[in-house]
């Protein structure tokens, strides 16, 4: 472990005034046992949630079971719907930022979204994933080390539900800023600990995803971290995602009936369909209130030139 449990530093705002929230949460998805000794803390300054002690990369290797990516396979119809949604998302990225931009999908998994970006017309699209066994398609450019990517070569970095899994958070985010061109943008999506669904479900909240999420940010937490990472103030866009309800209901059922099923229950897809009314009301209420605090959010961060250069690997201040 990287630090003693007595040293409590919020990874988002670096406040040292955090407090213990859940001493030993349950891993309702993998039921891993290698995370004993880690607890979940909350920050009174930015309301972000984080593991204490801060896990190292070695720690998290033991968190993830060998079938982490495979234990929740989707039925055919949902797989097709998810594929259509991802294709729509990729087309939206290319439409918003341009076909002439260079895209990097950070944490690309099997590279499928990289392929969708190319299918949508992106002239240059590549991916990065530190786990080669999960990444790497012969017809796509997939990196497994950040040092392989030239500094200042990327226009748009897509980071979809990845930042909350990081261990060396500040170092990684500064290196991402260094990869961007002077007008480059990081488009980051992540769960939101400030959403009312967390207060509603508590330790059963689907997006808590303990212990795999090392930090669950709030918009305020991202705002406070942005300058430290080398970015301008972020612009936020709330997301509409019904899966938080389905995940949370599933955790409630598992706890109520003492089920230790790894991955999704067979009824998860029924729960997902049943969640749409809750999701619809959620969307309407947030639109009326004009509130960014939904279960997940997307933000755009533009790299700050001088800080980006200073944080580039191998660079030094003059």
Protein backbone atom coordinates (compact mmCIF):
# COMPACT_ATOMS: atom_id res chain seq x y z
CA UNK A 1 0.00 0.00 0.00
CA UNK A 2 1.21 3.46 -0.83
CA UNK A 3 0.38 5.21 2.42
CA UNK A 4 -0.77 4.56 5.96
CA UNK A 5 -4.51 4.53 6.65
CA UNK A 6 -3.91 7.40 9.08
CA UNK A 7 -2.89 9.69 6.20
CA UNK A 8 -6.11 10.76 4.51
CA UNK A 9 -5.60 12.97 1.44
CA UNK A 10 -8.44 13.55 -1.00
CA UNK A 11 -7.19 12.69 -4.51
CA UNK A 12 -9.45 15.37 -5.99
CA UNK A 13 -8.86 18.52 -3.93
CA UNK A 14 -5.96 17.32 -1.71
CA UNK A 15 -7.82 18.18 1.47
CA UNK A 16 -6.58 16.34 4.56
CA UNK A 17 -9.86 16.67 6.44
CA UNK A 18 -11.62 13.60 5.06
CA UNK A 19 -13.68 11.31 7.23
CA UNK A 20 -14.45 7.60 7.26
CA UNK A 21 -17.70 6.77 5.46
CA UNK A 22 -17.75 2.96 5.10
CA UNK A 23 -15.08 0.95 6.97
CA UNK A 24 -15.52 -2.22 4.91
CA UNK A 25 -17.90 -1.92 1.93
CA UNK A 26 -18.98 -5.01 0.02
CA UNK A 27 -17.83 -5.77 -3.51
CA UNK A 28 -21.25 -6.68 -4.92
CA UNK A 29 -19.90 -7.39 -8.40
CA UNK A 30 -16.75 -9.48 -8.03
CA UNK A 31 -16.78 -10.44 -4.34
CA UNK A 32 -13.00 -10.10 -4.34
CA UNK A 33 -11.24 -10.57 -1.02
CA UNK A 34 -7.85 -9.03 -1.80
CA UNK A 35 -8.95 -5.49 -0.86
CA UNK A 36 -9.12 -6.10 2.89
CA UNK A 37 -7.66 -3.13 4.74
CA UNK A 38 -9.17 -0.55 2.40
CA UNK A 39 -12.05 1.65 3.48
CA UNK A 40 -14.12 4.35 1.79
CA UNK A 41 -13.74 7.97 2.85
CA UNK A 42 -15.56 11.17 1.98
CA UNK A 43 -14.14 14.67 1.57
CA UNK A 44 -15.99 17.56 3.28
CA UNK A 45 -14.37 20.08 0.93
CA UNK A 46 -15.41 18.68 -2.47
CA UNK A 47 -17.67 15.73 -1.48
CA UNK A 48 -15.62 13.26 -3.54
CA UNK A 49 -15.27 9.67 -2.31
CA UNK A 50 -12.00 7.74 -2.21
CA UNK A 51 -10.28 4.63 -0.98
CA UNK A 52 -8.03 4.87 2.03
CA UNK A 53 -5.19 4.03 1.99
CA UNK A 54 -4.55 5.05 -1.60
CA UNK A 55 -4.07 1.80 -3.53
CA UNK A 56 -1.02 1.26 -5.70
CA UNK A 57 -1.02 -0.27 -9.15
CA UNK A 58 0.13 -3.51 -7.53
CA UNK A 59 -2.82 -3.43 -5.14
CA UNK A 60 -5.36 -2.99 -7.91
CA UNK A 61 -3.92 -5.86 -9.95
CA UNK A 62 -5.14 -8.09 -7.13
CA UNK A 63 -8.53 -6.35 -6.98
CA UNK A 64 -9.52 -7.36 -10.50
CA UNK A 65 -10.53 -11.00 -11.03
CA UNK A 66 -9.34 -12.69 -14.20
CA UNK A 67 -12.85 -12.52 -15.66
CA UNK A 68 -13.49 -8.89 -14.69
CA UNK A 69 -14.41 -7.92 -18.27
CA UNK A 70 -16.25 -11.14 -19.08
CA UNK A 71 -18.42 -11.94 -16.06
CA UNK A 72 -21.25 -9.61 -17.12
CA UNK A 73 -21.79 -10.52 -20.77
CA UNK A 74 -24.81 -8.91 -22.38
CA UNK A 75 -27.61 -10.79 -24.13
CA UNK A 76 -27.66 -10.31 -27.90
CA UNK A 77 -30.33 -7.61 -28.03
CA UNK A 78 -28.64 -5.49 -25.34
CA UNK A 79 -25.26 -5.98 -26.99
CA UNK A 80 -26.70 -4.66 -30.24
CA UNK A 81 -28.31 -1.72 -28.47
CA UNK A 82 -25.07 -0.92 -26.65
CA UNK A 83 -23.17 -1.13 -29.94
CA UNK A 84 -25.64 1.24 -31.59
CA UNK A 85 -25.34 3.66 -28.66
CA UNK A 86 -21.53 3.58 -28.83
CA UNK A 87 -21.61 4.18 -32.58
CA UNK A 88 -23.92 7.15 -32.04
CA UNK A 89 -21.57 8.47 -29.35
CA UNK A 90 -18.52 8.13 -31.62
CA UNK A 91 -20.34 9.90 -34.44
CA UNK A 92 -21.24 12.69 -32.00
CA UNK A 93 -17.59 13.12 -31.03
CA UNK A 94 -16.45 13.37 -34.63
CA UNK A 95 -19.27 15.76 -35.52
CA UNK A 96 -18.48 18.02 -32.54
CA UNK A 97 -14.70 18.10 -32.80
CA UNK A 98 -14.07 17.44 -36.48
CA UNK A 99 -12.90 14.68 -38.82
CA UNK A 100 -9.48 16.27 -39.17
CA UNK A 101 -8.60 15.85 -35.48
CA UNK A 102 -6.36 13.21 -33.92
CA UNK A 103 -8.28 11.13 -31.36
CA UNK A 104 -7.03 8.95 -28.52
CA UNK A 105 -9.36 6.66 -26.57
CA UNK A 106 -7.68 6.40 -23.17
CA UNK A 107 -8.53 3.08 -21.54
CA UNK A 108 -9.79 1.66 -24.82
CA UNK A 109 -10.24 -1.97 -23.75
CA UNK A 110 -10.55 -4.05 -26.91
CA UNK A 111 -10.33 -0.95 -29.12
CA UNK A 112 -13.93 -1.13 -30.33
CA UNK A 113 -14.57 2.60 -29.75
CA UNK A 114 -11.39 3.44 -31.68
CA UNK A 115 -12.83 1.53 -34.61
CA UNK A 116 -16.13 3.38 -34.25
CA UNK A 117 -14.32 6.74 -34.32
CA UNK A 118 -12.65 5.71 -37.55
CA UNK A 119 -15.94 4.48 -38.96
CA UNK A 120 -17.44 7.88 -38.11
CA UNK A 121 -14.82 9.58 -40.27
CA UNK A 122 -11.99 10.47 -37.90
CA UNK A 123 -8.79 10.77 -39.92
CA UNK A 124 -6.60 9.58 -37.03
CA UNK A 125 -7.84 7.52 -34.09
CA UNK A 126 -5.82 5.36 -31.73
CA UNK A 127 -6.22 3.84 -28.29
CA UNK A 128 -4.30 3.33 -25.09
CA UNK A 129 -4.81 0.53 -22.57
CA UNK A 130 -2.25 -0.71 -20.03
CA UNK A 131 -3.64 -4.25 -20.11
CA UNK A 132 -2.50 -5.82 -23.41
CA UNK A 133 -4.56 -8.95 -22.86
CA UNK A 134 -7.67 -6.78 -23.10
CA UNK A 135 -6.47 -4.50 -25.87
CA UNK A 136 -4.92 -4.70 -29.26
CA UNK A 137 -6.63 -5.34 -32.56
CA UNK A 138 -4.44 -6.00 -35.58
CA UNK A 139 -6.02 -3.30 -37.73
CA UNK A 140 -6.04 -0.59 -35.03
CA UNK A 141 -3.25 1.40 -33.43
CA UNK A 142 -3.37 0.47 -29.75
CA UNK A 143 -0.66 1.60 -27.32
CA UNK A 144 0.04 -0.16 -24.04
CA UNK A 145 2.51 2.45 -22.72
CA UNK A 146 2.03 6.21 -22.58
CA UNK A 147 5.67 6.75 -23.54
CA UNK A 148 4.85 5.33 -26.96
CA UNK A 149 2.59 8.32 -27.74
CA UNK A 150 4.39 11.48 -28.94
CA UNK A 151 3.98 14.52 -26.68
CA UNK A 152 1.71 17.19 -28.13
CA UNK A 153 0.34 14.89 -30.83
CA UNK A 154 -3.29 14.40 -29.78
CA UNK A 155 -6.17 16.80 -30.41
CA UNK A 156 -8.92 14.97 -28.51
CA UNK A 157 -8.47 12.49 -25.66
CA UNK A 158 -11.60 10.50 -24.83
CA UNK A 159 -11.66 9.15 -21.28
CA UNK A 160 -14.90 7.27 -20.73
CA UNK A 161 -15.35 5.94 -17.17
CA UNK A 162 -11.61 5.51 -16.63
CA UNK A 163 -10.38 8.29 -14.34
CA UNK A 164 -12.16 6.76 -11.34
CA UNK A 165 -10.04 3.59 -11.72
CA UNK A 166 -6.64 5.31 -11.69
CA UNK A 167 -4.07 4.83 -8.94
CA UNK A 168 -1.32 7.29 -9.93
CA UNK A 169 -3.97 9.92 -10.58
CA UNK A 170 -2.04 13.20 -10.74
CA UNK A 171 0.87 11.77 -12.72
CA UNK A 172 -1.44 10.15 -15.26
CA UNK A 173 -3.60 13.24 -15.74
CA UNK A 174 -0.55 15.48 -16.18
CA UNK A 175 0.82 13.10 -18.77
CA UNK A 176 -2.49 13.21 -20.62
CA UNK A 177 -2.31 17.02 -20.62
CA UNK A 178 1.19 16.71 -22.07
CA UNK A 179 -0.07 14.55 -24.94
CA UNK A 180 -2.50 17.22 -26.10
CA UNK A 181 -1.86 19.81 -28.81
CA UNK A 182 -2.05 23.50 -27.80
CA UNK A 183 -5.79 23.56 -28.53
CA UNK A 184 -6.36 19.97 -27.45
CA UNK A 185 -9.23 18.84 -25.28
CA UNK A 186 -9.78 16.03 -22.80
CA UNK A 187 -13.37 14.76 -22.79
CA UNK A 188 -13.83 12.97 -19.49
CA UNK A 189 -16.89 11.01 -18.29
CA UNK A 190 -17.14 9.70 -14.74
CA UNK A 191 -19.63 8.87 -11.96
CA UNK A 192 -20.81 11.73 -9.77
CA UNK A 193 -20.76 11.32 -5.98
CA UNK A 194 -22.86 14.50 -5.64
CA UNK A 195 -25.89 12.90 -7.29
CA UNK A 196 -28.92 12.19 -5.09
CA UNK A 197 -28.88 8.51 -6.12
CA UNK A 198 -25.76 8.06 -3.97
CA UNK A 199 -27.55 9.54 -0.97
CA UNK A 200 -30.55 7.34 -1.74
CA UNK A 201 -28.70 4.00 -2.02
CA UNK A 202 -25.62 4.68 0.14
CA UNK A 203 -23.25 1.70 0.24
CA UNK A 204 -25.50 -0.10 -2.26
CA UNK A 205 -25.09 2.63 -4.90
CA UNK A 206 -24.27 0.95 -8.19
CA UNK A 207 -21.55 3.42 -9.17
CA UNK A 208 -19.63 3.04 -5.92
CA UNK A 209 -18.09 -0.05 -7.56
CA UNK A 210 -15.87 -0.78 -4.57
CA UNK A 211 -12.94 -1.46 -4.68
CA UNK A 212 -12.43 -0.90 -8.41
CA UNK A 213 -13.22 2.82 -8.23
CA UNK A 214 -10.34 4.37 -6.32
CA UNK A 215 -12.01 7.80 -6.37
CA UNK A 216 -15.53 8.92 -7.24
CA UNK A 217 -15.44 12.58 -8.15
CA UNK A 218 -17.93 15.41 -7.95
CA UNK A 219 -17.93 18.33 -10.40
CA UNK A 220 -16.38 20.41 -7.62
CA UNK A 221 -13.62 17.85 -7.19
CA UNK A 222 -12.77 17.97 -10.90
CA UNK A 223 -12.78 21.78 -10.81
CA UNK A 224 -10.26 21.83 -7.97
CA UNK A 225 -8.03 19.20 -9.58
CA UNK A 226 -8.03 20.62 -13.13
CA UNK A 227 -5.39 23.34 -12.66
CA UNK A 228 -3.14 20.93 -10.75
CA UNK A 229 -3.30 18.54 -13.69
CA UNK A 230 -2.55 21.29 -16.23
CA UNK A 231 -6.03 22.15 -17.52
CA UNK A 232 -8.26 25.20 -17.69
CA UNK A 233 -11.56 25.28 -15.79
CA UNK A 234 -13.78 22.43 -17.01
CA UNK A 235 -17.10 22.72 -18.80
CA UNK A 236 -19.68 20.24 -17.53
CA UNK A 237 -22.43 18.35 -19.32
CA UNK A 238 -24.75 16.05 -17.29
CA UNK A 239 -25.32 12.54 -18.59
CA UNK A 240 -28.49 10.50 -18.65
CA UNK A 241 -27.71 6.90 -17.69
CA UNK A 242 -30.41 4.47 -16.51
CA UNK A 243 -27.87 1.81 -15.55
CA UNK A 244 -27.17 3.45 -12.16
CA UNK A 245 -30.70 2.52 -11.11
CA UNK A 246 -30.39 -1.06 -12.39
CA UNK A 247 -26.98 -1.54 -10.73
CA UNK A 248 -28.28 -0.16 -7.45
CA UNK A 249 -31.49 -2.23 -7.45
CA UNK A 250 -29.37 -5.29 -8.20
CA UNK A 251 -27.16 -4.59 -5.18
CA UNK A 252 -30.25 -4.16 -3.00
CA UNK A 253 -31.52 -7.59 -4.12
CA UNK A 254 -28.13 -9.25 -3.58
CA UNK A 255 -27.89 -7.91 -0.05
CA UNK A 256 -31.54 -8.62 0.83
CA UNK A 257 -31.37 -12.25 -0.24
CA UNK A 258 -27.72 -12.92 0.63
CA UNK A 259 -26.76 -13.62 -2.99
CA UNK A 260 -23.07 -13.74 -3.87
CA UNK A 261 -23.47 -14.01 -7.62
CA UNK A 262 -20.43 -12.59 -9.39
CA UNK A 263 -21.35 -10.22 -12.15
CA UNK A 264 -24.94 -9.51 -13.04
CA UNK A 265 -27.92 -11.49 -11.86
CA UNK A 266 -29.98 -13.07 -14.62
CA UNK A 267 -32.71 -10.53 -13.93
CA UNK A 268 -30.37 -7.54 -14.38
CA UNK A 269 -31.67 -6.82 -17.86
CA UNK A 270 -35.22 -6.84 -16.51
CA UNK A 271 -34.09 -4.40 -13.84
CA UNK A 272 -32.54 -2.22 -16.54
CA UNK A 273 -35.83 -2.02 -18.41
CA UNK A 274 -37.71 -1.39 -15.16
CA UNK A 275 -35.29 1.45 -14.38
CA UNK A 276 -36.33 3.57 -17.34
CA UNK A 277 -39.28 5.27 -15.56
CA UNK A 278 -36.97 6.25 -12.67
CA UNK A 279 -34.40 7.47 -15.18
CA UNK A 280 -37.02 9.48 -17.10
CA UNK A 281 -38.23 11.26 -13.95
CA UNK A 282 -34.59 11.86 -12.98
CA UNK A 283 -33.89 13.51 -16.35
CA UNK A 284 -36.99 15.71 -16.19
CA UNK A 285 -36.29 16.90 -12.65
CA UNK A 286 -32.67 17.74 -13.43
CA UNK A 287 -33.61 19.61 -16.60
CA UNK A 288 -36.16 21.68 -14.72
CA UNK A 289 -33.61 22.45 -12.01
CA UNK A 290 -30.81 22.91 -14.58
CA UNK A 291 -28.63 20.82 -12.30
CA UNK A 292 -25.39 19.15 -13.46
CA UNK A 293 -25.51 16.72 -10.57
CA UNK A 294 -26.74 13.56 -12.24
CA UNK A 295 -25.35 10.09 -11.60
CA UNK A 296 -22.59 10.63 -14.19
CA UNK A 297 -21.24 13.69 -15.92
CA UNK A 298 -19.00 14.57 -18.84
CA UNK A 299 -16.60 17.49 -18.77
CA UNK A 300 -14.31 19.12 -21.31
CA UNK A 301 -10.87 20.20 -20.13
CA UNK A 302 -8.48 22.20 -22.29
CA UNK A 303 -4.78 21.84 -21.61
CA UNK A 304 -2.85 24.89 -20.40
CA UNK A 305 0.15 25.35 -22.68
CA UNK A 306 2.98 26.24 -20.24
CA UNK A 307 1.91 23.66 -17.66
CA UNK A 308 1.53 21.07 -20.36
CA UNK A 309 5.09 21.66 -21.54
CA UNK A 310 6.44 21.60 -18.02
CA UNK A 311 4.72 18.30 -17.27
CA UNK A 312 5.85 16.58 -20.42
CA UNK A 313 8.01 13.50 -19.76
CA UNK A 314 11.66 14.41 -19.96
CA UNK A 315 11.05 18.17 -20.07
CA UNK A 316 12.49 20.77 -17.71
CA UNK A 317 11.61 24.35 -16.88
CA UNK A 318 13.90 26.98 -18.34
